[in-house]
Amino acid sequence: MDRRNYDTVVFIDLRPSMNEHELAAICSEFGRVTLCEIIDDLPKIGIVSMENSKEAVSLLHSDKVRSICEFCAPLSQNVMSNTYSRILETD
């Protein structure tokens, strides 16, 4: 699946190890990113398309989710393109 064609993705992360460098790389790869927390559960990480996604809209409006901030960045293949895979492998 090519997520780079999506207008908006939701980035969900509770891991304290996530740093600005990793987040910037994900923003560069995926475009506009909203960073959220799921308040009620174990740490999670995921990227969800907001394009015609009722599940993503429901998640954002749930009282279990708190939006922290939104980052915008141009799409790029060059900036740490393997960061997303590496994060999932170590999670």
PDB file of N, CA and C in Angstrom:
ATOM      1  N   MET A   1       0.845  -1.191   0.000  1.00  0.00           N
ATOM      2  CA  MET A   1       0.000   0.000   0.000  1.00  0.00           C
ATOM      3  C   MET A   1       0.885   1.248   0.000  1.00  0.00           C
ATOM      4  N   ASP A   2       0.591   2.183  -0.876  1.00  0.00           N
ATOM      5  CA  ASP A   2       1.389   3.405  -0.978  1.00  0.00           C
ATOM      6  C   ASP A   2       0.714   4.522  -0.191  1.00  0.00           C
ATOM      7  N   ARG A   3       1.147   4.726   1.043  1.00  0.00           N
ATOM      8  CA  ARG A   3       0.512   5.724   1.903  1.00  0.00           C
ATOM      9  C   ARG A   3       0.849   7.150   1.485  1.00  0.00           C
ATOM     10  N   ARG A   4       1.858   7.315   0.630  1.00  0.00           N
ATOM     11  CA  ARG A   4       2.259   8.676   0.252  1.00  0.00           C
ATOM     12  C   ARG A   4       1.181   9.395  -0.542  1.00  0.00           C
ATOM     13  N   ASN A   5       0.209   8.654  -1.082  1.00  0.00           N
ATOM     14  CA  ASN A   5      -0.861   9.301  -1.838  1.00  0.00           C
ATOM     15  C   ASN A   5      -1.990   9.806  -0.950  1.00  0.00           C
ATOM     16  N   TYR A   6      -1.943   9.500   0.336  1.00  0.00           N
ATOM     17  CA  TYR A   6      -2.997   9.941   1.234  1.00  0.00           C
ATOM     18  C   TYR A   6      -2.799  11.404   1.608  1.00  0.00           C
ATOM     19  N   ASP A   7      -3.899  12.109   1.796  1.00  0.00           N
ATOM     20  CA  ASP A   7      -3.819  13.516   2.177  1.00  0.00           C
ATOM     21  C   ASP A   7      -3.344  13.681   3.617  1.00  0.00           C
ATOM     22  N   THR A   8      -3.876  12.865   4.496  1.00  0.00           N
ATOM     23  CA  THR A   8      -3.576  13.009   5.918  1.00  0.00           C
ATOM     24  C   THR A   8      -3.430  11.640   6.541  1.00  0.00           C
ATOM     25  N   VAL A   9      -2.489  11.500   7.419  1.00  0.00           N
ATOM     26  CA  VAL A   9      -2.375  10.269   8.191  1.00  0.00           C
ATOM     27  C   VAL A   9      -2.374  10.621   9.673  1.00  0.00           C
ATOM     28  N   VAL A  10      -2.777   9.683  10.483  1.00  0.00           N
ATOM     29  CA  VAL A  10      -2.751   9.857  11.923  1.00  0.00           C
ATOM     30  C   VAL A  10      -1.611   9.017  12.464  1.00  0.00           C
ATOM     31  N   PHE A  11      -0.763   9.638  13.237  1.00  0.00           N
ATOM     32  CA  PHE A  11       0.377   8.935  13.821  1.00  0.00           C
ATOM     33  C   PHE A  11       0.111   8.789  15.311  1.00  0.00           C
ATOM     34  N   ILE A  12       0.002   7.555  15.785  1.00  0.00           N
ATOM     35  CA  ILE A  12      -0.356   7.281  17.167  1.00  0.00           C
ATOM     36  C   ILE A  12       0.854   6.695  17.873  1.00  0.00           C
ATOM     37  N   ASP A  13       1.273   7.344  18.946  1.00  0.00           N
ATOM     38  CA  ASP A  13       2.481   6.865  19.613  1.00  0.00           C
ATOM     39  C   ASP A  13       2.478   7.243  21.080  1.00  0.00           C
ATOM     40  N   LEU A  14       2.686   6.270  21.947  1.00  0.00           N
ATOM     41  CA  LEU A  14       2.859   6.555  23.371  1.00  0.00           C
ATOM     42  C   LEU A  14       4.269   6.218  23.846  1.00  0.00           C
ATOM     43  N   ARG A  15       5.115   5.735  22.948  1.00  0.00           N
ATOM     44  CA  ARG A  15       6.446   5.307  23.360  1.00  0.00           C
ATOM     45  C   ARG A  15       7.335   6.506  23.673  1.00  0.00           C
ATOM     46  N   PRO A  16       7.930   6.564  24.839  1.00  0.00           N
ATOM     47  CA  PRO A  16       8.791   7.691  25.183  1.00  0.00           C
ATOM     48  C   PRO A  16      10.070   7.728  24.352  1.00  0.00           C
ATOM     49  N   SER A  17      10.372   6.621  23.676  1.00  0.00           N
ATOM     50  CA  SER A  17      11.601   6.577  22.883  1.00  0.00           C
ATOM     51  C   SER A  17      11.477   7.315  21.552  1.00  0.00           C
ATOM     52  N   MET A  18      10.260   7.653  21.145  1.00  0.00           N
ATOM     53  CA  MET A  18      10.074   8.377  19.884  1.00  0.00           C
ATOM     54  C   MET A  18      10.729   9.750  19.998  1.00  0.00           C
ATOM     55  N   ASN A  19      11.597  10.083  19.057  1.00  0.00           N
ATOM     56  CA  ASN A  19      12.261  11.379  19.118  1.00  0.00           C
ATOM     57  C   ASN A  19      11.910  12.242  17.905  1.00  0.00           C
ATOM     58  N   GLU A  20      12.323  13.500  17.945  1.00  0.00           N
ATOM     59  CA  GLU A  20      11.971  14.450  16.890  1.00  0.00           C
ATOM     60  C   GLU A  20      12.527  14.030  15.535  1.00  0.00           C
ATOM     61  N   HIS A  21      13.690  13.400  15.533  1.00  0.00           N
ATOM     62  CA  HIS A  21      14.316  12.966  14.285  1.00  0.00           C
ATOM     63  C   HIS A  21      13.455  11.928  13.576  1.00  0.00           C
ATOM     64  N   GLU A  22      12.984  10.946  14.343  1.00  0.00           N
ATOM     65  CA  GLU A  22      12.127   9.905  13.779  1.00  0.00           C
ATOM     66  C   GLU A  22      10.804  10.487  13.302  1.00  0.00           C
ATOM     67  N   LEU A  23      10.236  11.386  14.095  1.00  0.00           N
ATOM     68  CA  LEU A  23       8.971  12.005  13.718  1.00  0.00           C
ATOM     69  C   LEU A  23       9.125  12.838  12.451  1.00  0.00           C
ATOM     70  N   ALA A  24      10.214  13.589  12.351  1.00  0.00           N
ATOM     71  CA  ALA A  24      10.461  14.398  11.159  1.00  0.00           C
ATOM     72  C   ALA A  24      10.592  13.519   9.920  1.00  0.00           C
ATOM     73  N   ALA A  25      11.239  12.365  10.077  1.00  0.00           N
ATOM     74  CA  ALA A  25      11.396  11.452   8.946  1.00  0.00           C
ATOM     75  C   ALA A  25      10.049  10.917   8.488  1.00  0.00           C
ATOM     76  N   ILE A  26       9.195  10.587   9.442  1.00  0.00           N
ATOM     77  CA  ILE A  26       7.866  10.086   9.089  1.00  0.00           C
ATOM     78  C   ILE A  26       7.053  11.189   8.423  1.00  0.00           C
ATOM     79  N   CYS A  27       7.134  12.410   8.943  1.00  0.00           N
ATOM     80  CA  CYS A  27       6.428  13.534   8.322  1.00  0.00           C
ATOM     81  C   CYS A  27       6.908  13.747   6.896  1.00  0.00           C
ATOM     82  N   SER A  28       8.205  13.647   6.687  1.00  0.00           N
ATOM     83  CA  SER A  28       8.754  13.852   5.351  1.00  0.00           C
ATOM     84  C   SER A  28       8.271  12.790   4.383  1.00  0.00           C
ATOM     85  N   GLU A  29       8.091  11.581   4.889  1.00  0.00           N
ATOM     86  CA  GLU A  29       7.672  10.494   4.014  1.00  0.00           C
ATOM     87  C   GLU A  29       6.175  10.529   3.744  1.00  0.00           C
ATOM     88  N   PHE A  30       5.386  10.889   4.742  1.00  0.00           N
ATOM     89  CA  PHE A  30       3.940  10.747   4.624  1.00  0.00           C
ATOM     90  C   PHE A  30       3.183  12.058   4.450  1.00  0.00           C
ATOM     91  N   GLY A  31       3.825  13.212   4.645  1.00  0.00           N
ATOM     92  CA  GLY A  31       3.110  14.469   4.460  1.00  0.00           C
ATOM     93  C   GLY A  31       2.579  15.005   5.771  1.00  0.00           C
ATOM     94  N   ARG A  32       1.300  15.403   5.777  1.00  0.00           N
ATOM     95  CA  ARG A  32       0.726  15.998   6.984  1.00  0.00           C
ATOM     96  C   ARG A  32       0.415  14.889   7.990  1.00  0.00           C
ATOM     97  N   VAL A  33       0.894  15.049   9.201  1.00  0.00           N
ATOM     98  CA  VAL A  33       0.782  14.010  10.215  1.00  0.00           C
ATOM     99  C   VAL A  33       0.206  14.608  11.491  1.00  0.00           C
ATOM    100  N   THR A  34      -0.777  13.937  12.060  1.00  0.00           N
ATOM    101  CA  THR A  34      -1.295  14.333  13.358  1.00  0.00           C
ATOM    102  C   THR A  34      -0.795  13.349  14.403  1.00  0.00           C
ATOM    103  N   LEU A  35      -0.128  13.863  15.404  1.00  0.00           N
ATOM    104  CA  LEU A  35       0.406  13.024  16.471  1.00  0.00           C
ATOM    105  C   LEU A  35      -0.635  12.928  17.577  1.00  0.00           C
ATOM    106  N   CYS A  36      -0.993  11.706  17.967  1.00  0.00           N
ATOM    107  CA  CYS A  36      -2.035  11.496  18.969  1.00  0.00           C
ATOM    108  C   CYS A  36      -1.556  10.535  20.034  1.00  0.00           C
ATOM    109  N   GLU A  37      -2.287  10.520  21.127  1.00  0.00           N
ATOM    110  CA  GLU A  37      -2.079   9.514  22.157  1.00  0.00           C
ATOM    111  C   GLU A  37      -3.363   8.720  22.320  1.00  0.00           C
ATOM    112  N   ILE A  38      -3.238   7.415  22.523  1.00  0.00           N
ATOM    113  CA  ILE A  38      -4.368   6.622  22.988  1.00  0.00           C
ATOM    114  C   ILE A  38      -4.203   6.527  24.497  1.00  0.00           C
ATOM    115  N   ILE A  39      -5.159   7.040  25.229  1.00  0.00           N
ATOM    116  CA  ILE A  39      -5.001   7.243  26.659  1.00  0.00           C
ATOM    117  C   ILE A  39      -5.230   5.962  27.462  1.00  0.00           C
ATOM    118  N   ASP A  40      -6.028   5.043  26.943  1.00  0.00           N
ATOM    119  CA  ASP A  40      -6.564   3.958  27.768  1.00  0.00           C
ATOM    120  C   ASP A  40      -5.807   2.643  27.703  1.00  0.00           C
ATOM    121  N   ASP A  41      -4.656   2.555  27.068  1.00  0.00           N
ATOM    122  CA  ASP A  41      -4.171   1.219  26.772  1.00  0.00           C
ATOM    123  C   ASP A  41      -2.650   1.160  26.814  1.00  0.00           C
ATOM    124  N   LEU A  42      -2.107   0.059  26.368  1.00  0.00           N
ATOM    125  CA  LEU A  42      -0.666  -0.092  26.233  1.00  0.00           C
ATOM    126  C   LEU A  42      -0.146   0.810  25.124  1.00  0.00           C
ATOM    127  N   PRO A  43       1.139   1.105  25.112  1.00  0.00           N
ATOM    128  CA  PRO A  43       1.694   1.917  24.022  1.00  0.00           C
ATOM    129  C   PRO A  43       1.394   1.310  22.659  1.00  0.00           C
ATOM    130  N   LYS A  44       1.056   2.177  21.722  1.00  0.00           N
ATOM    131  CA  LYS A  44       0.717   1.734  20.381  1.00  0.00           C
ATOM    132  C   LYS A  44       1.375   2.660  19.373  1.00  0.00           C
ATOM    133  N   ILE A  45       1.553   2.145  18.191  1.00  0.00           N
ATOM    134  CA  ILE A  45       2.036   2.979  17.097  1.00  0.00           C
ATOM    135  C   ILE A  45       1.300   2.560  15.845  1.00  0.00           C
ATOM    136  N   GLY A  46       0.903   3.516  15.039  1.00  0.00           N
ATOM    137  CA  GLY A  46       0.220   3.162  13.812  1.00  0.00           C
ATOM    138  C   GLY A  46       0.051   4.366  12.917  1.00  0.00           C
ATOM    139  N   ILE A  47      -0.196   4.110  11.661  1.00  0.00           N
ATOM    140  CA  ILE A  47      -0.491   5.173  10.714  1.00  0.00           C
ATOM    141  C   ILE A  47      -1.799   4.810  10.034  1.00  0.00           C
ATOM    142  N   VAL A  48      -2.764   5.700  10.101  1.00  0.00           N
ATOM    143  CA  VAL A  48      -4.106   5.436   9.605  1.00  0.00           C
ATOM    144  C   VAL A  48      -4.463   6.485   8.572  1.00  0.00           C
ATOM    145  N   SER A  49      -4.982   6.066   7.440  1.00  0.00           N
ATOM    146  CA  SER A  49      -5.397   7.029   6.426  1.00  0.00           C
ATOM    147  C   SER A  49      -6.648   7.763   6.878  1.00  0.00           C
ATOM    148  N   MET A  50      -6.673   9.078   6.677  1.00  0.00           N
ATOM    149  CA  MET A  50      -7.876   9.858   6.962  1.00  0.00           C
ATOM    150  C   MET A  50      -8.739  10.000   5.716  1.00  0.00           C
ATOM    151  N   GLU A  51      -8.295   9.477   4.604  1.00  0.00           N
ATOM    152  CA  GLU A  51      -9.013   9.626   3.343  1.00  0.00           C
ATOM    153  C   GLU A  51     -10.179   8.646   3.310  1.00  0.00           C
ATOM    154  N   ASN A  52     -11.411   9.154   3.447  1.00  0.00           N
ATOM    155  CA  ASN A  52     -12.614   8.322   3.439  1.00  0.00           C
ATOM    156  C   ASN A  52     -12.559   7.212   4.485  1.00  0.00           C
ATOM    157  N   SER A  53     -12.039   7.511   5.645  1.00  0.00           N
ATOM    158  CA  SER A  53     -11.911   6.487   6.674  1.00  0.00           C
ATOM    159  C   SER A  53     -12.775   6.824   7.881  1.00  0.00           C
ATOM    160  N   LYS A  54     -13.912   6.160   8.004  1.00  0.00           N
ATOM    161  CA  LYS A  54     -14.789   6.375   9.160  1.00  0.00           C
ATOM    162  C   LYS A  54     -14.098   5.953  10.450  1.00  0.00           C
ATOM    163  N   GLU A  55     -13.289   4.897  10.362  1.00  0.00           N
ATOM    164  CA  GLU A  55     -12.587   4.421  11.549  1.00  0.00           C
ATOM    165  C   GLU A  55     -11.625   5.476  12.085  1.00  0.00           C
ATOM    166  N   ALA A  56     -10.901   6.122  11.183  1.00  0.00           N
ATOM    167  CA  ALA A  56      -9.941   7.143  11.608  1.00  0.00           C
ATOM    168  C   ALA A  56     -10.654   8.355  12.189  1.00  0.00           C
ATOM    169  N   VAL A  57     -11.759   8.758  11.567  1.00  0.00           N
ATOM    170  CA  VAL A  57     -12.526   9.899  12.075  1.00  0.00           C
ATOM    171  C   VAL A  57     -13.088   9.573  13.455  1.00  0.00           C
ATOM    172  N   SER A  58     -13.628   8.367  13.621  1.00  0.00           N
ATOM    173  CA  SER A  58     -14.155   7.944  14.922  1.00  0.00           C
ATOM    174  C   SER A  58     -13.061   7.937  15.978  1.00  0.00           C
ATOM    175  N   LEU A  59     -11.888   7.455  15.590  1.00  0.00           N
ATOM    176  CA  LEU A  59     -10.765   7.408  16.519  1.00  0.00           C
ATOM    177  C   LEU A  59     -10.390   8.803  16.997  1.00  0.00           C
ATOM    178  N   LEU A  60     -10.332   9.744  16.073  1.00  0.00           N
ATOM    179  CA  LEU A  60      -9.942  11.109  16.444  1.00  0.00           C
ATOM    180  C   LEU A  60     -10.967  11.779  17.347  1.00  0.00           C
ATOM    181  N   HIS A  61     -12.251  11.399  17.209  1.00  0.00           N
ATOM    182  CA  HIS A  61     -13.296  12.027  18.017  1.00  0.00           C
ATOM    183  C   HIS A  61     -13.595  11.248  19.296  1.00  0.00           C
ATOM    184  N   SER A  62     -12.898  10.153  19.497  1.00  0.00           N
ATOM    185  CA  SER A  62     -13.089   9.344  20.692  1.00  0.00           C
ATOM    186  C   SER A  62     -12.492  10.043  21.905  1.00  0.00           C
ATOM    187  N   ASP A  63     -13.103   9.811  23.076  1.00  0.00           N
ATOM    188  CA  ASP A  63     -12.539  10.407  24.291  1.00  0.00           C
ATOM    189  C   ASP A  63     -11.299   9.655  24.767  1.00  0.00           C
ATOM    190  N   LYS A  64     -10.946   8.575  24.078  1.00  0.00           N
ATOM    191  CA  LYS A  64      -9.741   7.833  24.421  1.00  0.00           C
ATOM    192  C   LYS A  64      -8.515   8.358  23.687  1.00  0.00           C
ATOM    193  N   VAL A  65      -8.715   9.336  22.815  1.00  0.00           N
ATOM    194  CA  VAL A  65      -7.619   9.850  21.999  1.00  0.00           C
ATOM    195  C   VAL A  65      -7.457  11.344  22.254  1.00  0.00           C
ATOM    196  N   ARG A  66      -6.224  11.772  22.392  1.00  0.00           N
ATOM    197  CA  ARG A  66      -5.946  13.197  22.552  1.00  0.00           C
ATOM    198  C   ARG A  66      -4.967  13.613  21.468  1.00  0.00           C
ATOM    199  N   SER A  67      -5.372  14.571  20.652  1.00  0.00           N
ATOM    200  CA  SER A  67      -4.476  15.084  19.621  1.00  0.00           C
ATOM    201  C   SER A  67      -3.474  16.024  20.273  1.00  0.00           C
ATOM    202  N   ILE A  68      -2.208  15.806  20.008  1.00  0.00           N
ATOM    203  CA  ILE A  68      -1.162  16.628  20.611  1.00  0.00           C
ATOM    204  C   ILE A  68      -0.804  17.792  19.688  1.00  0.00           C
ATOM    205  N   CYS A  69      -0.469  17.488  18.457  1.00  0.00           N
ATOM    206  CA  CYS A  69      -0.109  18.536  17.524  1.00  0.00           C
ATOM    207  C   CYS A  69      -0.087  17.974  16.111  1.00  0.00           C
ATOM    208  N   GLU A  70      -0.082  18.855  15.141  1.00  0.00           N
ATOM    209  CA  GLU A  70      -0.048  18.435  13.746  1.00  0.00           C
ATOM    210  C   GLU A  70       1.199  19.002  13.091  1.00  0.00           C
ATOM    211  N   PHE A  71       1.858  18.155  12.327  1.00  0.00           N
ATOM    212  CA  PHE A  71       3.072  18.551  11.629  1.00  0.00           C
ATOM    213  C   PHE A  71       2.809  18.510  10.134  1.00  0.00           C
ATOM    214  N   CYS A  72       3.313  19.473   9.397  1.00  0.00           N
ATOM    215  CA  CYS A  72       3.204  19.447   7.948  1.00  0.00           C
ATOM    216  C   CYS A  72       4.606  19.447   7.356  1.00  0.00           C
ATOM    217  N   ALA A  73       4.801  18.621   6.358  1.00  0.00           N
ATOM    218  CA  ALA A  73       6.104  18.545   5.705  1.00  0.00           C
ATOM    219  C   ALA A  73       5.900  18.101   4.271  1.00  0.00           C
ATOM    220  N   PRO A  74       6.762  18.536   3.365  1.00  0.00           N
ATOM    221  CA  PRO A  74       6.644  18.085   1.975  1.00  0.00           C
ATOM    222  C   PRO A  74       6.940  16.597   1.870  1.00  0.00           C
ATOM    223  N   LEU A  75       6.296  15.941   0.928  1.00  0.00           N
ATOM    224  CA  LEU A  75       6.559  14.525   0.713  1.00  0.00           C
ATOM    225  C   LEU A  75       7.981  14.347   0.204  1.00  0.00           C
ATOM    226  N   SER A  76       8.661  13.346   0.710  1.00  0.00           N
ATOM    227  CA  SER A  76      10.043  13.115   0.306  1.00  0.00           C
ATOM    228  C   SER A  76      10.384  11.645   0.440  1.00  0.00           C
ATOM    229  N   GLN A  77      11.123  11.130  -0.517  1.00  0.00           N
ATOM    230  CA  GLN A  77      11.601   9.752  -0.460  1.00  0.00           C
ATOM    231  C   GLN A  77      12.982   9.687   0.189  1.00  0.00           C
ATOM    232  N   ASN A  78      13.641  10.814   0.316  1.00  0.00           N
ATOM    233  CA  ASN A  78      15.064  10.809   0.639  1.00  0.00           C
ATOM    234  C   ASN A  78      15.401  10.816   2.122  1.00  0.00           C
ATOM    235  N   VAL A  79      14.485  11.300   2.972  1.00  0.00           N
ATOM    236  CA  VAL A  79      14.840  11.496   4.371  1.00  0.00           C
ATOM    237  C   VAL A  79      14.507  10.257   5.192  1.00  0.00           C
ATOM    238  N   MET A  80      15.511   9.487   5.537  1.00  0.00           N
ATOM    239  CA  MET A  80      15.357   8.309   6.390  1.00  0.00           C
ATOM    240  C   MET A  80      14.150   7.470   5.992  1.00  0.00           C
ATOM    241  N   SER A  81      14.129   7.018   4.758  1.00  0.00           N
ATOM    242  CA  SER A  81      12.956   6.330   4.220  1.00  0.00           C
ATOM    243  C   SER A  81      12.646   5.017   4.929  1.00  0.00           C
ATOM    244  N   ASN A  82      13.607   4.450   5.637  1.00  0.00           N
ATOM    245  CA  ASN A  82      13.345   3.183   6.320  1.00  0.00           C
ATOM    246  C   ASN A  82      12.944   3.359   7.777  1.00  0.00           C
ATOM    247  N   THR A  83      12.750   4.576   8.229  1.00  0.00           N
ATOM    248  CA  THR A  83      12.449   4.813   9.641  1.00  0.00           C
ATOM    249  C   THR A  83      11.171   4.114  10.077  1.00  0.00           C
ATOM    250  N   TYR A  84      10.126   4.219   9.269  1.00  0.00           N
ATOM    251  CA  TYR A  84       8.842   3.632   9.643  1.00  0.00           C
ATOM    252  C   TYR A  84       8.968   2.128   9.855  1.00  0.00           C
ATOM    253  N   SER A  85       9.647   1.438   8.939  1.00  0.00           N
ATOM    254  CA  SER A  85       9.837  -0.006   9.071  1.00  0.00           C
ATOM    255  C   SER A  85      10.645  -0.341  10.316  1.00  0.00           C
ATOM    256  N   ARG A  86      11.692   0.424  10.542  1.00  0.00           N
ATOM    257  CA  ARG A  86      12.560   0.157  11.688  1.00  0.00           C
ATOM    258  C   ARG A  86      11.801   0.340  13.002  1.00  0.00           C
ATOM    259  N   ILE A  87      10.956   1.360  13.081  1.00  0.00           N
ATOM    260  CA  ILE A  87      10.174   1.603  14.291  1.00  0.00           C
ATOM    261  C   ILE A  87       9.252   0.420  14.558  1.00  0.00           C
ATOM    262  N   LEU A  88       8.580  -0.058  13.519  1.00  0.00           N
ATOM    263  CA  LEU A  88       7.661  -1.182  13.701  1.00  0.00           C
ATOM    264  C   LEU A  88       8.404  -2.446  14.111  1.00  0.00           C
ATOM    265  N   GLU A  89       9.600  -2.643  13.582  1.00  0.00           N
ATOM    266  CA  GLU A  89      10.379  -3.834  13.920  1.00  0.00           C
ATOM    267  C   GLU A  89      10.825  -3.833  15.375  1.00  0.00           C
ATOM    268  N   THR A  90      11.079  -2.649  15.934  1.00  0.00           N
ATOM    269  CA  THR A  90      11.583  -2.574  17.304  1.00  0.00           C
ATOM    270  C   THR A  90      10.488  -2.379  18.323  1.00  0.00           C
ATOM    271  N   ASP A  91       9.264  -2.181  17.885  1.00  0.00           N
ATOM    272  CA  ASP A  91       8.162  -1.920  18.812  1.00  0.00           C
ATOM    273  C   ASP A  91       7.716  -3.192  19.500  1.00  0.00           C
TER     274      ASP A  91
END
